[in-house]
Amino acid sequence: MTASAQAPSAAMVEQAIGWMVKLQSGEASADDWDACKRWRDARPDHAVAWERVQGIYGRLNRLSGRALMADLRTGVSERRQLTLADGSALWLDTNTAVDVRFTRRQRHGLPRP
């Protein structure tokens, strides 16, 4: 693989993102799909940029919509120690999502899938 195929330029990645948005819009025609394939096949760095964008898109799709809306969350390989509003501590391990609910007598950490 050439150096450019290993590291596509920002412009190539932006083009790949544009193709992904178009194809996932629900309005892409068969001609659009064919044109994207021709773009990917035209240059090795196009194919690499496309693979990178697909990988990011796939990871985002695997995230639960609920996890994205959680009160608190960590990403992959991220850990956090937090102090909650009542002064208690909460440690979040990697790739965790949780909602925090307080009542007068209790606090609840509700994990999100």
C-alpha atoms as a PDB file:
ATOM      1  CA  MET A   1       0.000   0.000   0.000  1.00  0.00           C
ATOM      2  CA  THR A   2       1.284   3.489  -0.745  1.00  0.00           C
ATOM      3  CA  ALA A   3       1.631   6.140   1.948  1.00  0.00           C
ATOM      4  CA  SER A   4      -1.355   8.022   0.548  1.00  0.00           C
ATOM      5  CA  ALA A   5      -3.469   4.852   0.683  1.00  0.00           C
ATOM      6  CA  GLN A   6      -2.483   4.346   4.317  1.00  0.00           C
ATOM      7  CA  ALA A   7      -3.372   7.898   5.296  1.00  0.00           C
ATOM      8  CA  PRO A   8      -6.002   9.537   3.127  1.00  0.00           C
ATOM      9  CA  SER A   9      -6.122  13.309   3.172  1.00  0.00           C
ATOM     10  CA  ALA A  10      -8.751  15.206   5.105  1.00  0.00           C
ATOM     11  CA  ALA A  11     -10.334  16.104   1.769  1.00  0.00           C
ATOM     12  CA  MET A  12     -10.681  12.403   0.851  1.00  0.00           C
ATOM     13  CA  VAL A  13     -12.238  11.634   4.236  1.00  0.00           C
ATOM     14  CA  GLU A  14     -14.663  14.537   3.778  1.00  0.00           C
ATOM     15  CA  GLN A  15     -15.649  13.155   0.378  1.00  0.00           C
ATOM     16  CA  ALA A  16     -16.206   9.725   1.921  1.00  0.00           C
ATOM     17  CA  ILE A  17     -18.361  11.312   4.619  1.00  0.00           C
ATOM     18  CA  GLY A  18     -20.358  13.060   1.899  1.00  0.00           C
ATOM     19  CA  TRP A  19     -20.954   9.725   0.169  1.00  0.00           C
ATOM     20  CA  MET A  20     -21.977   8.082   3.445  1.00  0.00           C
ATOM     21  CA  VAL A  21     -24.456  10.849   4.232  1.00  0.00           C
ATOM     22  CA  LYS A  22     -25.940  10.662   0.738  1.00  0.00           C
ATOM     23  CA  LEU A  23     -26.224   6.869   0.747  1.00  0.00           C
ATOM     24  CA  GLN A  24     -27.750   6.734   4.235  1.00  0.00           C
ATOM     25  CA  SER A  25     -30.212   9.575   3.572  1.00  0.00           C
ATOM     26  CA  GLY A  26     -32.904   7.253   2.281  1.00  0.00           C
ATOM     27  CA  GLU A  27     -32.963   9.220  -0.968  1.00  0.00           C
ATOM     28  CA  ALA A  28     -29.978   7.657  -2.750  1.00  0.00           C
ATOM     29  CA  SER A  29     -30.674   6.158  -6.147  1.00  0.00           C
ATOM     30  CA  ALA A  30     -29.053   3.117  -7.719  1.00  0.00           C
ATOM     31  CA  ASP A  31     -26.975   5.577  -9.764  1.00  0.00           C
ATOM     32  CA  ASP A  32     -25.740   7.178  -6.524  1.00  0.00           C
ATOM     33  CA  TRP A  33     -24.649   3.780  -5.185  1.00  0.00           C
ATOM     34  CA  ASP A  34     -22.877   3.036  -8.470  1.00  0.00           C
ATOM     35  CA  ALA A  35     -21.176   6.446  -8.481  1.00  0.00           C
ATOM     36  CA  CYS A  36     -19.932   5.887  -4.933  1.00  0.00           C
ATOM     37  CA  LYS A  37     -18.499   2.510  -5.935  1.00  0.00           C
ATOM     38  CA  ARG A  38     -16.749   4.113  -8.912  1.00  0.00           C
ATOM     39  CA  TRP A  39     -15.339   6.808  -6.593  1.00  0.00           C
ATOM     40  CA  ARG A  40     -14.047   4.155  -4.147  1.00  0.00           C
ATOM     41  CA  ASP A  41     -12.509   2.112  -6.956  1.00  0.00           C
ATOM     42  CA  ALA A  42     -10.869   5.122  -8.627  1.00  0.00           C
ATOM     43  CA  ARG A  43      -8.002   5.487  -6.133  1.00  0.00           C
ATOM     44  CA  PRO A  44      -6.604   3.486  -3.220  1.00  0.00           C
ATOM     45  CA  ASP A  45      -6.882   6.469  -0.854  1.00  0.00           C
ATOM     46  CA  HIS A  46     -10.593   6.739  -1.710  1.00  0.00           C
ATOM     47  CA  ALA A  47     -11.062   3.121  -0.665  1.00  0.00           C
ATOM     48  CA  VAL A  48      -9.129   3.657   2.579  1.00  0.00           C
ATOM     49  CA  ALA A  49     -11.087   6.831   3.381  1.00  0.00           C
ATOM     50  CA  TRP A  50     -14.334   4.937   2.744  1.00  0.00           C
ATOM     51  CA  GLU A  51     -13.246   2.087   5.041  1.00  0.00           C
ATOM     52  CA  ARG A  52     -12.434   4.556   7.809  1.00  0.00           C
ATOM     53  CA  VAL A  53     -15.774   6.308   7.509  1.00  0.00           C
ATOM     54  CA  GLN A  54     -17.587   2.969   7.433  1.00  0.00           C
ATOM     55  CA  GLY A  55     -15.772   1.933  10.604  1.00  0.00           C
ATOM     56  CA  ILE A  56     -16.785   5.102  12.420  1.00  0.00           C
ATOM     57  CA  TYR A  57     -20.355   4.802  11.151  1.00  0.00           C
ATOM     58  CA  GLY A  58     -20.506   1.184  12.323  1.00  0.00           C
ATOM     59  CA  ARG A  59     -19.262   2.088  15.806  1.00  0.00           C
ATOM     60  CA  LEU A  60     -21.799   4.885  16.087  1.00  0.00           C
ATOM     61  CA  ASN A  61     -24.578   2.547  14.981  1.00  0.00           C
ATOM     62  CA  ARG A  62     -23.608   0.073  17.678  1.00  0.00           C
ATOM     63  CA  LEU A  63     -24.043   2.705  20.353  1.00  0.00           C
ATOM     64  CA  SER A  64     -27.471   2.576  21.838  1.00  0.00           C
ATOM     65  CA  GLY A  65     -29.524   5.721  21.328  1.00  0.00           C
ATOM     66  CA  ARG A  66     -30.269   5.459  25.017  1.00  0.00           C
ATOM     67  CA  ALA A  67     -26.581   5.403  25.872  1.00  0.00           C
ATOM     68  CA  LEU A  68     -26.086   8.586  23.868  1.00  0.00           C
ATOM     69  CA  MET A  69     -28.830  10.258  25.901  1.00  0.00           C
ATOM     70  CA  ALA A  70     -27.563   9.062  29.308  1.00  0.00           C
ATOM     71  CA  ASP A  71     -26.889  11.573  32.081  1.00  0.00           C
ATOM     72  CA  LEU A  72     -23.292  10.376  32.375  1.00  0.00           C
ATOM     73  CA  ARG A  73     -21.180   8.255  30.073  1.00  0.00           C
ATOM     74  CA  THR A  74     -17.643   7.228  29.226  1.00  0.00           C
ATOM     75  CA  GLY A  75     -16.161   6.198  25.920  1.00  0.00           C
ATOM     76  CA  VAL A  76     -14.087   3.155  25.124  1.00  0.00           C
ATOM     77  CA  SER A  77     -10.881   3.166  27.234  1.00  0.00           C
ATOM     78  CA  GLU A  78     -12.155   6.134  29.268  1.00  0.00           C
ATOM     79  CA  ARG A  79     -12.681   6.014  33.028  1.00  0.00           C
ATOM     80  CA  ARG A  80     -14.051   8.819  35.164  1.00  0.00           C
ATOM     81  CA  GLN A  81     -14.543   9.611  38.822  1.00  0.00           C
ATOM     82  CA  LEU A  82     -17.364  12.083  39.426  1.00  0.00           C
ATOM     83  CA  THR A  83     -18.777  13.906  42.406  1.00  0.00           C
ATOM     84  CA  LEU A  84     -22.578  13.934  42.242  1.00  0.00           C
ATOM     85  CA  ALA A  85     -24.818  16.793  43.337  1.00  0.00           C
ATOM     86  CA  ASP A  86     -25.276  15.320  46.827  1.00  0.00           C
ATOM     87  CA  GLY A  87     -21.507  14.981  47.318  1.00  0.00           C
ATOM     88  CA  SER A  88     -21.360  11.234  46.740  1.00  0.00           C
ATOM     89  CA  ALA A  89     -18.784   9.741  44.372  1.00  0.00           C
ATOM     90  CA  LEU A  90     -19.420   7.711  41.259  1.00  0.00           C
ATOM     91  CA  TRP A  91     -16.778   5.839  39.285  1.00  0.00           C
ATOM     92  CA  LEU A  92     -17.555   5.010  35.676  1.00  0.00           C
ATOM     93  CA  ASP A  93     -15.590   2.279  33.943  1.00  0.00           C
ATOM     94  CA  THR A  94     -14.896   2.215  30.234  1.00  0.00           C
ATOM     95  CA  ASN A  95     -17.821   2.382  27.777  1.00  0.00           C
ATOM     96  CA  THR A  96     -20.448   2.990  30.464  1.00  0.00           C
ATOM     97  CA  ALA A  97     -23.698   4.944  30.399  1.00  0.00           C
ATOM     98  CA  VAL A  98     -25.824   5.697  33.451  1.00  0.00           C
ATOM     99  CA  ASP A  99     -28.702   7.913  34.515  1.00  0.00           C
ATOM    100  CA  VAL A 100     -28.604   9.347  38.020  1.00  0.00           C
ATOM    101  CA  ARG A 101     -31.822   9.938  39.983  1.00  0.00           C
ATOM    102  CA  PHE A 102     -32.117  11.423  43.448  1.00  0.00           C
ATOM    103  CA  THR A 103     -34.964  11.277  45.934  1.00  0.00           C
ATOM    104  CA  ARG A 104     -34.952  12.681  49.450  1.00  0.00           C
ATOM    105  CA  ARG A 105     -33.779   9.351  50.851  1.00  0.00           C
ATOM    106  CA  GLN A 106     -31.991   7.613  47.998  1.00  0.00           C
ATOM    107  CA  ARG A 107     -29.843   8.069  44.966  1.00  0.00           C
ATOM    108  CA  HIS A 108     -30.060   5.674  42.029  1.00  0.00           C
ATOM    109  CA  GLY A 109     -27.554   4.969  39.312  1.00  0.00           C
ATOM    110  CA  LEU A 110     -29.502   3.364  36.482  1.00  0.00           C
ATOM    111  CA  PRO A 111     -27.242   1.716  33.874  1.00  0.00           C
ATOM    112  CA  ARG A 112     -28.155   2.176  30.252  1.00  0.00           C
ATOM    113  CA  PRO A 113     -27.669  -0.625  27.730  1.00  0.00           C
END
